[in-house]
Amino acid sequence: MADSTKTATLTYDGKTFELPVHSPSAGPDVVDIRKLYGQANLFTYDPGFTSTAACDSAITYIDGEEGVLLHRGYPIDQLAGKSHYLEVCYLLLYGDLPSATQLEDFENRVTNHTMLHEQMQYFFRGFRRDAHPMAIMVGVVGAMSAFYHDSTDISDPWQREVASIRLIAKMPTIAAWAFKYHVGQPFVYPRNDLDYASNFLRMCFAVPAEEYEVNPILSRAMDRIFTLHADHEQNASTSTVRLASSSGANPFASIAAGIACLWGPAHGGANQACLEMLREIGSVDRIPEFIARAKDKNDPFRLMGFGHRVYKNFDPRAKVMKESADEVLELLGVENNPALQVAKELEKQALDDPYFAEKKLFPNVDFYSGIILEAMGFPTSMFTPIFALSRTVGWISQWKEMIEDPAMKIGRPRQLYTGATQRDYVDVENR
């Protein structure tokens, strides 16, 4: 962090304190309060940390007001439109786009580490058949530290590198096997002659009884889903990974903590909630009724998949995801799927309605990703595991950045205590 030449003045209890102000390469200035407690005996109060910078990072930048998302400076729409997921993984991990030789080497390293230790099958088989795939992923990813002892020392740069490649490579296999176990089908092993997204689709949908050919349109759509969810700055799950790893926890345990946080419906379950809403609407002729309800301030119903907590304008990921949704729906058709029929008509009517334009409630990435995954044949229970698979590289990149930061400290938020003050213990017979 560069030295600051700006200061902010705080007056408290008759005393004045000068606090350093740091200027980022983009975004608002940041008041440095690290010495505030020692100097003024004050904490700051910020539930949800929505106005607090807990770290400095060079990975991802978001401007929600303008609808901007940059990875290492590159706009997300350019990356999703011209690049592919593993190239974006390289960019997030190492800071720059790779040369052709670097990309080939990186892709080979990932491809050659997609298999799981054979004994890890027993972890899957230990779960009930009706276990949620996210429950399986939390357990299996955490258990990786019991198998890969040569990549758990976070102080060793080489072990950090090995752990990073292993997690990126093996997460599609873990997610696909969680899906296969969930639906009662045999596990399908990865193949080294397939690209990252095609390998995942094959492991999810192939069966031993027949050959499975991956459709390139579906593979490209899957790759875009991975790319558009690769990282999203200091969100809840990323902050969880950073907080867990700040204690020195091994990378597999830290990523498992991120998966557990992502499982929450307020975080990773948005596209599932969107699809459930489409099913609730049920048919195209009921759309006006639900649009009217969404406009009614006294009605608790709201349109899922429209607007975004971070983006107060359009979601920059949504345009690219819509292109994929149109391609997939044209390939697979929507005639026999009421939810997809409702989705296409709801999108049209909402975009034509001035109310949604004025409120800047545009379809977001979750609206389109849920449509694509539903059309591909994934149950809603797999939506969040696919999100976790996609976000793994973001978590790892943030984890590596934090571990390599000499200013790293174990996370220790403070509190505004509202409980009882000191009181004396009273023997039970006297209460």
Protein backbone atom coordinates (compact mmCIF):
# COMPACT_ATOMS: atom_id res chain seq x y z
CA MET A 1 0.00 0.00 0.00
CA ALA A 2 1.41 3.38 -1.02
CA ASP A 3 2.07 6.08 1.57
CA SER A 4 -0.82 8.50 1.93
CA THR A 5 -0.52 12.28 1.57
CA LYS A 6 -4.20 12.87 2.39
CA THR A 7 -5.76 12.83 5.84
CA ALA A 8 -9.24 12.83 7.35
CA THR A 9 -9.84 14.71 10.60
CA LEU A 10 -11.90 13.12 13.38
CA THR A 11 -12.98 15.14 16.39
CA TYR A 12 -14.04 13.12 19.42
CA ASP A 13 -14.36 13.99 23.11
CA GLY A 14 -12.62 17.32 22.62
CA LYS A 15 -9.62 15.83 20.82
CA THR A 16 -8.68 15.85 17.14
CA PHE A 17 -7.21 12.86 15.32
CA GLU A 18 -5.66 12.82 11.85
CA LEU A 19 -6.34 9.60 9.95
CA PRO A 20 -4.43 8.68 6.77
CA VAL A 21 -6.47 8.46 3.55
CA HIS A 22 -5.32 6.11 0.79
CA SER A 23 -6.22 6.57 -2.87
CA PRO A 24 -6.83 3.40 -4.93
CA SER A 25 -6.16 3.05 -8.64
CA ALA A 26 -9.96 3.10 -9.07
CA GLY A 27 -12.86 3.66 -6.70
CA PRO A 28 -13.40 5.82 -3.59
CA ASP A 29 -10.62 6.85 -1.22
CA VAL A 30 -10.19 4.77 1.94
CA VAL A 31 -9.74 6.10 5.48
CA ASP A 32 -7.08 4.11 7.35
CA ILE A 33 -8.41 3.45 10.88
CA ARG A 34 -5.84 0.88 11.99
CA LYS A 35 -4.47 3.16 14.72
CA LEU A 36 -7.83 4.64 15.73
CA TYR A 37 -8.38 2.30 18.68
CA GLY A 38 -4.93 2.88 20.09
CA GLN A 39 -5.12 6.65 19.71
CA ALA A 40 -8.76 7.39 20.53
CA ASN A 41 -10.07 4.21 22.19
CA LEU A 42 -12.71 3.99 19.42
CA PHE A 43 -14.00 1.23 17.17
CA THR A 44 -15.97 1.78 13.97
CA TYR A 45 -19.40 0.24 13.50
CA ASP A 46 -20.24 -1.24 10.08
CA PRO A 47 -22.64 -4.24 10.11
CA GLY A 48 -22.08 -6.34 7.00
CA PHE A 49 -18.80 -4.48 6.34
CA THR A 50 -20.51 -2.65 3.46
CA SER A 51 -18.38 0.48 3.97
CA THR A 52 -15.19 -1.21 5.14
CA ALA A 53 -12.16 -2.19 3.05
CA ALA A 54 -10.80 -5.27 4.82
CA CYS A 55 -7.84 -5.65 2.46
CA ASP A 56 -6.10 -4.13 -0.53
CA SER A 57 -6.38 -6.23 -3.68
CA ALA A 58 -5.27 -6.00 -7.33
CA ILE A 59 -7.53 -8.75 -8.67
CA THR A 60 -11.09 -7.52 -9.33
CA TYR A 61 -12.70 -4.09 -9.44
CA ILE A 62 -16.44 -3.36 -9.43
CA ASP A 63 -18.19 -0.04 -9.98
CA GLY A 64 -21.80 -0.84 -9.25
CA GLU A 65 -23.07 2.61 -10.18
CA GLU A 66 -21.63 2.41 -13.68
CA GLY A 67 -22.07 -1.34 -14.21
CA VAL A 68 -18.33 -2.09 -14.46
CA LEU A 69 -16.56 -5.35 -13.62
CA LEU A 70 -12.84 -5.64 -14.32
CA HIS A 71 -10.52 -8.61 -13.80
CA ARG A 72 -6.92 -7.35 -13.57
CA GLY A 73 -8.15 -4.35 -15.57
CA TYR A 74 -9.91 -6.29 -18.35
CA PRO A 75 -13.69 -5.75 -18.78
CA ILE A 76 -15.69 -8.90 -18.10
CA ASP A 77 -17.62 -8.67 -21.37
CA GLN A 78 -14.36 -8.74 -23.36
CA LEU A 79 -13.07 -11.72 -21.40
CA ALA A 80 -16.32 -13.66 -21.71
CA GLY A 81 -16.71 -12.81 -25.38
CA LYS A 82 -13.14 -13.35 -26.60
CA SER A 83 -11.40 -15.51 -24.01
CA HIS A 84 -12.22 -18.77 -22.22
CA TYR A 85 -12.33 -19.91 -18.61
CA LEU A 86 -8.83 -21.35 -18.15
CA GLU A 87 -7.26 -18.27 -19.73
CA VAL A 88 -9.24 -16.13 -17.25
CA CYS A 89 -8.04 -18.46 -14.47
CA TYR A 90 -4.46 -17.75 -15.49
CA LEU A 91 -5.17 -14.02 -15.55
CA LEU A 92 -6.70 -14.04 -12.05
CA LEU A 93 -3.93 -16.19 -10.59
CA TYR A 94 -0.88 -14.53 -12.13
CA GLY A 95 -1.98 -10.99 -13.02
CA ASP A 96 -1.58 -10.93 -16.80
CA LEU A 97 -2.99 -12.71 -19.83
CA PRO A 98 -0.74 -15.62 -20.79
CA SER A 99 1.31 -16.04 -23.93
CA ALA A 100 0.38 -19.00 -26.15
CA THR A 101 3.15 -21.10 -24.56
CA GLN A 102 2.15 -20.13 -21.02
CA LEU A 103 -1.50 -20.91 -21.72
CA GLU A 104 -0.70 -24.31 -23.20
CA ASP A 105 1.44 -25.20 -20.18
CA PHE A 106 -1.26 -24.02 -17.75
CA GLU A 107 -4.02 -25.94 -19.55
CA ASN A 108 -1.86 -29.10 -19.56
CA ARG A 109 -1.19 -28.80 -15.84
CA VAL A 110 -4.88 -28.42 -15.07
CA THR A 111 -5.95 -31.21 -17.44
CA ASN A 112 -3.44 -33.66 -15.97
CA HIS A 113 -4.73 -33.14 -12.42
CA THR A 114 -8.47 -33.62 -12.94
CA MET A 115 -8.62 -37.14 -11.50
CA LEU A 116 -9.41 -37.70 -7.84
CA HIS A 117 -7.62 -40.11 -5.54
CA GLU A 118 -9.52 -43.37 -5.95
CA GLN A 119 -10.16 -43.69 -2.22
CA MET A 120 -12.10 -40.41 -2.29
CA GLN A 121 -14.98 -42.39 -3.81
CA TYR A 122 -15.67 -43.67 -0.30
CA PHE A 123 -16.40 -40.14 0.89
CA PHE A 124 -19.12 -39.77 -1.74
CA ARG A 125 -20.59 -43.17 -0.94
CA GLY A 126 -20.71 -42.33 2.77
CA PHE A 127 -23.40 -39.71 2.20
CA ARG A 128 -27.10 -40.50 2.06
CA ARG A 129 -28.44 -40.82 -1.45
CA ASP A 130 -30.63 -37.74 -0.96
CA ALA A 131 -27.73 -35.58 0.25
CA HIS A 132 -27.58 -32.13 -1.33
CA PRO A 133 -24.62 -31.86 -3.74
CA MET A 134 -23.35 -28.82 -1.83
CA ALA A 135 -23.17 -30.86 1.37
CA ILE A 136 -21.07 -33.40 -0.50
CA MET A 137 -18.79 -30.71 -1.95
CA VAL A 138 -18.16 -29.09 1.44
CA GLY A 139 -17.15 -32.47 2.88
CA VAL A 140 -15.08 -33.74 -0.03
CA VAL A 141 -13.15 -30.51 -0.63
CA GLY A 142 -12.34 -30.26 3.07
CA ALA A 143 -11.21 -33.89 2.99
CA MET A 144 -8.68 -33.18 0.23
CA SER A 145 -6.24 -32.11 2.94
CA ALA A 146 -6.28 -35.72 4.17
CA PHE A 147 -5.05 -36.93 0.77
CA TYR A 148 -2.74 -34.24 -0.60
CA HIS A 149 -0.27 -33.67 2.24
CA ASP A 150 2.33 -32.23 -0.12
CA SER A 151 0.31 -29.07 -0.75
CA THR A 152 -0.95 -27.91 2.66
CA ASP A 153 2.05 -25.85 3.84
CA ILE A 154 0.90 -22.30 3.08
CA SER A 155 4.38 -20.88 3.77
CA ASP A 156 5.84 -22.79 0.81
CA PRO A 157 5.23 -20.99 -2.55
CA TRP A 158 5.51 -24.25 -4.49
CA GLN A 159 2.94 -25.99 -2.31
CA ARG A 160 0.60 -23.02 -2.73
CA GLU A 161 0.99 -23.37 -6.50
CA VAL A 162 0.32 -27.11 -6.44
CA ALA A 163 -2.75 -26.65 -4.24
CA SER A 164 -4.07 -23.98 -6.60
CA ILE A 165 -3.78 -26.18 -9.69
CA ARG A 166 -5.27 -29.17 -7.87
CA LEU A 167 -8.33 -27.25 -6.71
CA ILE A 168 -9.04 -25.74 -10.13
CA ALA A 169 -8.51 -29.10 -11.83
CA LYS A 170 -10.41 -31.34 -9.44
CA MET A 171 -13.41 -29.16 -8.63
CA PRO A 172 -15.30 -30.11 -11.85
CA THR A 173 -14.77 -33.78 -11.03
CA ILE A 174 -15.99 -33.28 -7.46
CA ALA A 175 -19.06 -31.34 -8.60
CA ALA A 176 -19.88 -33.83 -11.35
CA TRP A 177 -19.48 -36.81 -9.01
CA ALA A 178 -21.71 -35.10 -6.43
CA PHE A 179 -24.31 -34.79 -9.19
CA LYS A 180 -23.91 -38.41 -10.28
CA TYR A 181 -24.22 -39.66 -6.72
CA HIS A 182 -27.27 -37.45 -6.19
CA VAL A 183 -29.07 -38.97 -9.21
CA GLY A 184 -27.92 -42.54 -8.57
CA GLN A 185 -25.69 -42.99 -11.61
CA PRO A 186 -22.13 -44.34 -11.78
CA PHE A 187 -19.21 -41.93 -11.62
CA VAL A 188 -17.69 -40.88 -14.95
CA TYR A 189 -13.95 -40.25 -15.01
CA PRO A 190 -12.41 -37.18 -16.66
CA ARG A 191 -10.74 -37.38 -20.06
CA ASN A 192 -7.57 -35.53 -21.00
CA ASP A 193 -8.63 -34.98 -24.63
CA LEU A 194 -11.51 -32.68 -23.69
CA ASP A 195 -11.51 -29.03 -22.72
CA TYR A 196 -12.48 -27.92 -19.22
CA ALA A 197 -16.19 -27.25 -19.81
CA SER A 198 -16.70 -30.25 -22.12
CA ASN A 199 -15.08 -32.52 -19.57
CA PHE A 200 -17.47 -31.30 -16.90
CA LEU A 201 -20.55 -31.80 -19.08
CA ARG A 202 -19.43 -35.28 -20.05
CA MET A 203 -18.80 -36.26 -16.41
CA CYS A 204 -22.31 -35.01 -15.56
CA PHE A 205 -24.34 -36.51 -18.41
CA ALA A 206 -22.45 -39.47 -19.90
CA VAL A 207 -23.41 -43.02 -18.91
CA PRO A 208 -21.45 -46.25 -19.51
CA ALA A 209 -24.23 -47.68 -21.71
CA GLU A 210 -23.63 -45.34 -24.64
CA GLU A 211 -21.29 -42.81 -26.19
CA TYR A 212 -21.72 -39.15 -25.25
CA GLU A 213 -20.77 -36.33 -27.58
CA VAL A 214 -20.53 -32.85 -26.06
CA ASN A 215 -22.37 -30.23 -28.10
CA PRO A 216 -19.98 -27.29 -28.73
CA ILE A 217 -22.77 -24.72 -28.17
CA LEU A 218 -23.50 -26.19 -24.74
CA SER A 219 -19.81 -26.41 -23.95
CA ARG A 220 -19.30 -22.76 -24.87
CA ALA A 221 -22.30 -21.72 -22.78
CA MET A 222 -20.94 -23.69 -19.83
CA ASP A 223 -17.53 -22.09 -20.25
CA ARG A 224 -19.14 -18.64 -20.21
CA ILE A 225 -21.02 -19.47 -17.01
CA PHE A 226 -17.69 -20.44 -15.44
CA THR A 227 -16.02 -17.25 -16.72
CA LEU A 228 -18.77 -14.87 -15.64
CA HIS A 229 -18.74 -16.25 -12.09
CA ALA A 230 -14.95 -16.58 -11.70
CA ASP A 231 -14.52 -13.75 -9.20
CA HIS A 232 -16.57 -10.89 -7.79
CA GLU A 233 -14.36 -8.90 -5.45
CA GLN A 234 -14.81 -9.14 -1.64
CA ASN A 235 -18.21 -10.86 -1.51
CA ALA A 236 -19.37 -13.00 1.42
CA SER A 237 -17.77 -16.29 0.33
CA THR A 238 -14.50 -14.64 -0.75
CA SER A 239 -14.31 -12.81 2.56
CA THR A 240 -14.97 -16.13 4.29
CA VAL A 241 -12.05 -17.75 2.46
CA ARG A 242 -9.80 -14.86 3.44
CA LEU A 243 -10.93 -14.92 7.07
CA ALA A 244 -10.54 -18.71 7.38
CA SER A 245 -7.12 -18.72 5.76
CA SER A 246 -5.92 -15.77 7.87
CA SER A 247 -5.61 -18.24 10.75
CA GLY A 248 -3.16 -20.35 8.73
CA ALA A 249 -5.75 -22.95 7.75
CA ASN A 250 -4.78 -25.13 4.80
CA PRO A 251 -6.13 -24.14 1.37
CA PHE A 252 -8.57 -27.06 1.11
CA ALA A 253 -10.20 -26.18 4.44
CA SER A 254 -10.36 -22.51 3.45
CA ILE A 255 -12.03 -23.23 0.10
CA ALA A 256 -14.47 -25.61 1.82
CA ALA A 257 -15.41 -22.69 4.10
CA GLY A 258 -16.09 -20.58 1.00
CA ILE A 259 -18.31 -23.31 -0.45
CA ALA A 260 -20.28 -23.46 2.80
CA CYS A 261 -20.84 -19.69 2.72
CA LEU A 262 -21.84 -19.76 -0.95
CA TRP A 263 -24.51 -22.34 -0.10
CA GLY A 264 -26.59 -19.63 1.57
CA PRO A 265 -29.64 -18.66 -0.50
CA ALA A 266 -28.79 -14.95 -0.21
CA HIS A 267 -25.46 -15.59 -1.96
CA GLY A 268 -25.18 -18.56 -4.29
CA GLY A 269 -28.82 -19.48 -4.56
CA ALA A 270 -30.07 -16.53 -6.60
CA ASN A 271 -30.41 -18.39 -9.90
CA GLN A 272 -32.24 -21.23 -8.15
CA ALA A 273 -34.63 -18.70 -6.58
CA CYS A 274 -35.17 -17.19 -10.04
CA LEU A 275 -36.13 -20.52 -11.56
CA GLU A 276 -38.46 -21.30 -8.65
CA MET A 277 -40.15 -17.95 -9.32
CA LEU A 278 -40.62 -18.85 -12.99
CA ARG A 279 -42.27 -22.10 -11.92
CA GLU A 280 -44.49 -20.19 -9.50
CA ILE A 281 -45.66 -17.94 -12.34
CA GLY A 282 -46.36 -21.13 -14.25
CA SER A 283 -47.64 -19.85 -17.59
CA VAL A 284 -47.18 -16.90 -19.93
CA ASP A 285 -50.71 -15.58 -19.40
CA ARG A 286 -50.00 -14.99 -15.67
CA ILE A 287 -47.00 -12.74 -16.27
CA PRO A 288 -48.96 -9.42 -16.16
CA GLU A 289 -50.37 -10.44 -12.78
CA PHE A 290 -46.91 -10.99 -11.31
CA ILE A 291 -45.47 -7.85 -12.88
CA ALA A 292 -48.29 -5.89 -11.24
CA ARG A 293 -47.49 -7.55 -7.92
CA ALA A 294 -43.81 -6.64 -8.29
CA LYS A 295 -44.80 -2.98 -8.68
CA ASP A 296 -47.09 -3.07 -5.63
CA LYS A 297 -45.17 -1.78 -2.59
CA ASN A 298 -47.56 -3.60 -0.28
CA ASP A 299 -47.02 -6.98 -1.93
CA PRO A 300 -43.99 -8.96 -0.65
CA PHE A 301 -43.50 -10.59 -4.06
CA ARG A 302 -40.53 -9.40 -6.10
CA LEU A 303 -39.08 -10.48 -9.40
CA MET A 304 -36.00 -12.62 -8.81
CA GLY A 305 -33.21 -12.22 -11.33
CA PHE A 306 -33.88 -8.51 -11.87
CA GLY A 307 -31.59 -5.87 -10.42
CA HIS A 308 -28.54 -6.61 -8.27
CA ARG A 309 -27.33 -5.61 -4.81
CA VAL A 310 -23.98 -4.42 -6.18
CA TYR A 311 -24.96 -3.15 -9.61
CA LYS A 312 -27.19 -0.09 -9.49
CA ASN A 313 -27.14 -0.05 -13.28
CA PHE A 314 -26.99 -3.02 -15.66
CA ASP A 315 -25.08 -6.15 -14.69
CA PRO A 316 -22.15 -6.20 -17.15
CA ARG A 317 -22.20 -10.01 -17.15
CA ALA A 318 -25.83 -10.24 -18.19
CA LYS A 319 -25.42 -9.23 -21.86
CA VAL A 320 -22.98 -12.05 -22.57
CA MET A 321 -25.06 -14.53 -20.57
CA LYS A 322 -28.17 -13.55 -22.54
CA GLU A 323 -26.36 -14.34 -25.80
CA SER A 324 -25.56 -17.80 -24.46
CA ALA A 325 -29.13 -18.26 -23.25
CA ASP A 326 -30.49 -17.40 -26.70
CA GLU A 327 -28.07 -19.85 -28.36
CA VAL A 328 -28.89 -22.66 -25.94
CA LEU A 329 -32.65 -22.14 -26.14
CA GLU A 330 -32.49 -22.05 -29.93
CA LEU A 331 -30.58 -25.33 -29.88
CA LEU A 332 -32.68 -27.13 -27.29
CA GLY A 333 -36.02 -25.36 -27.74
CA VAL A 334 -38.43 -24.11 -25.10
CA GLU A 335 -41.65 -25.54 -26.46
CA ASN A 336 -41.87 -28.33 -23.91
CA ASN A 337 -40.59 -26.35 -20.93
CA PRO A 338 -43.11 -23.92 -19.35
CA ALA A 339 -40.47 -22.27 -17.13
CA LEU A 340 -38.33 -21.36 -20.14
CA GLN A 341 -41.36 -20.06 -22.02
CA VAL A 342 -42.22 -17.86 -19.05
CA ALA A 343 -38.63 -16.65 -18.79
CA LYS A 344 -38.42 -15.42 -22.38
CA GLU A 345 -41.77 -13.62 -22.21
CA LEU A 346 -41.10 -12.18 -18.74
CA GLU A 347 -37.80 -10.75 -19.95
CA LYS A 348 -39.56 -9.12 -22.91
CA GLN A 349 -42.42 -7.61 -20.91
CA ALA A 350 -40.16 -6.35 -18.11
CA LEU A 351 -37.74 -4.66 -20.51
CA ASP A 352 -40.68 -2.97 -22.27
CA ASP A 353 -42.11 -1.66 -18.99
CA PRO A 354 -40.98 1.91 -18.04
CA TYR A 355 -41.23 1.05 -14.33
CA PHE A 356 -38.34 -1.41 -14.51
CA ALA A 357 -36.23 0.92 -16.65
CA GLU A 358 -36.73 3.79 -14.19
CA LYS A 359 -35.82 1.56 -11.25
CA LYS A 360 -32.89 0.11 -13.23
CA LEU A 361 -34.23 -3.40 -12.63
CA PHE A 362 -32.63 -5.15 -15.57
CA PRO A 363 -32.24 -8.95 -15.90
CA ASN A 364 -29.01 -9.95 -14.17
CA VAL A 365 -26.58 -12.82 -14.67
CA ASP A 366 -28.56 -15.11 -12.34
CA PHE A 367 -31.71 -14.77 -14.45
CA TYR A 368 -29.98 -16.06 -17.57
CA SER A 369 -27.69 -18.64 -15.94
CA GLY A 370 -30.63 -20.39 -14.31
CA ILE A 371 -32.39 -20.57 -17.68
CA ILE A 372 -29.31 -22.07 -19.35
CA LEU A 373 -28.69 -24.66 -16.64
CA GLU A 374 -32.35 -25.68 -16.62
CA ALA A 375 -32.31 -26.10 -20.40
CA MET A 376 -29.15 -28.22 -20.21
CA GLY A 377 -30.84 -30.63 -17.83
CA PHE A 378 -29.36 -29.66 -14.47
CA PRO A 379 -31.70 -29.79 -11.46
CA THR A 380 -31.81 -26.66 -9.32
CA SER A 381 -29.83 -28.48 -6.63
CA MET A 382 -26.80 -28.32 -8.95
CA PHE A 383 -26.95 -24.58 -9.60
CA THR A 384 -24.95 -23.60 -6.52
CA PRO A 385 -22.33 -26.38 -6.94
CA ILE A 386 -21.69 -25.08 -10.47
CA PHE A 387 -21.34 -21.58 -9.00
CA ALA A 388 -18.82 -22.96 -6.48
CA LEU A 389 -16.87 -24.66 -9.26
CA SER A 390 -16.74 -21.39 -11.19
CA ARG A 391 -15.74 -19.27 -8.19
CA THR A 392 -12.94 -21.59 -7.04
CA VAL A 393 -10.29 -19.74 -9.04
CA GLY A 394 -11.42 -16.42 -7.55
CA TRP A 395 -11.19 -17.80 -4.04
CA ILE A 396 -7.74 -19.24 -4.72
CA SER A 397 -6.48 -16.02 -6.31
CA GLN A 398 -7.68 -13.99 -3.33
CA TRP A 399 -6.22 -16.58 -0.94
CA LYS A 400 -2.81 -16.49 -2.62
CA GLU A 401 -2.81 -12.70 -2.68
CA MET A 402 -3.55 -12.55 1.03
CA ILE A 403 -0.97 -15.20 2.01
CA GLU A 404 1.72 -13.37 0.02
CA ASP A 405 0.85 -9.99 1.59
CA PRO A 406 3.43 -9.13 4.31
CA ALA A 407 0.77 -7.05 6.08
CA MET A 408 -1.50 -10.08 6.56
CA LYS A 409 -3.00 -10.51 10.03
CA ILE A 410 -5.48 -12.98 11.43
CA GLY A 411 -8.98 -11.58 11.04
CA ARG A 412 -10.50 -10.26 14.25
CA PRO A 413 -13.58 -8.03 13.83
CA ARG A 414 -14.68 -5.96 16.81
CA GLN A 415 -18.17 -5.50 18.22
CA LEU A 416 -20.59 -3.01 19.71
CA TYR A 417 -21.30 -4.81 22.98
CA THR A 418 -24.92 -4.50 24.21
CA GLY A 419 -25.01 -7.21 26.90
CA ALA A 420 -25.01 -7.04 30.68
CA THR A 421 -22.13 -5.35 32.49
CA GLN A 422 -20.21 -7.22 35.17
CA ARG A 423 -22.34 -8.87 37.86
CA ASP A 424 -21.59 -11.34 40.65
CA TYR A 425 -22.49 -15.01 40.62
CA VAL A 426 -25.38 -16.02 42.91
CA ASP A 427 -25.59 -19.57 44.29
CA VAL A 428 -28.51 -21.53 42.84
CA GLU A 429 -30.37 -21.82 46.15
CA ASN A 430 -30.39 -18.03 46.50
CA ARG A 431 -31.80 -17.22 43.02
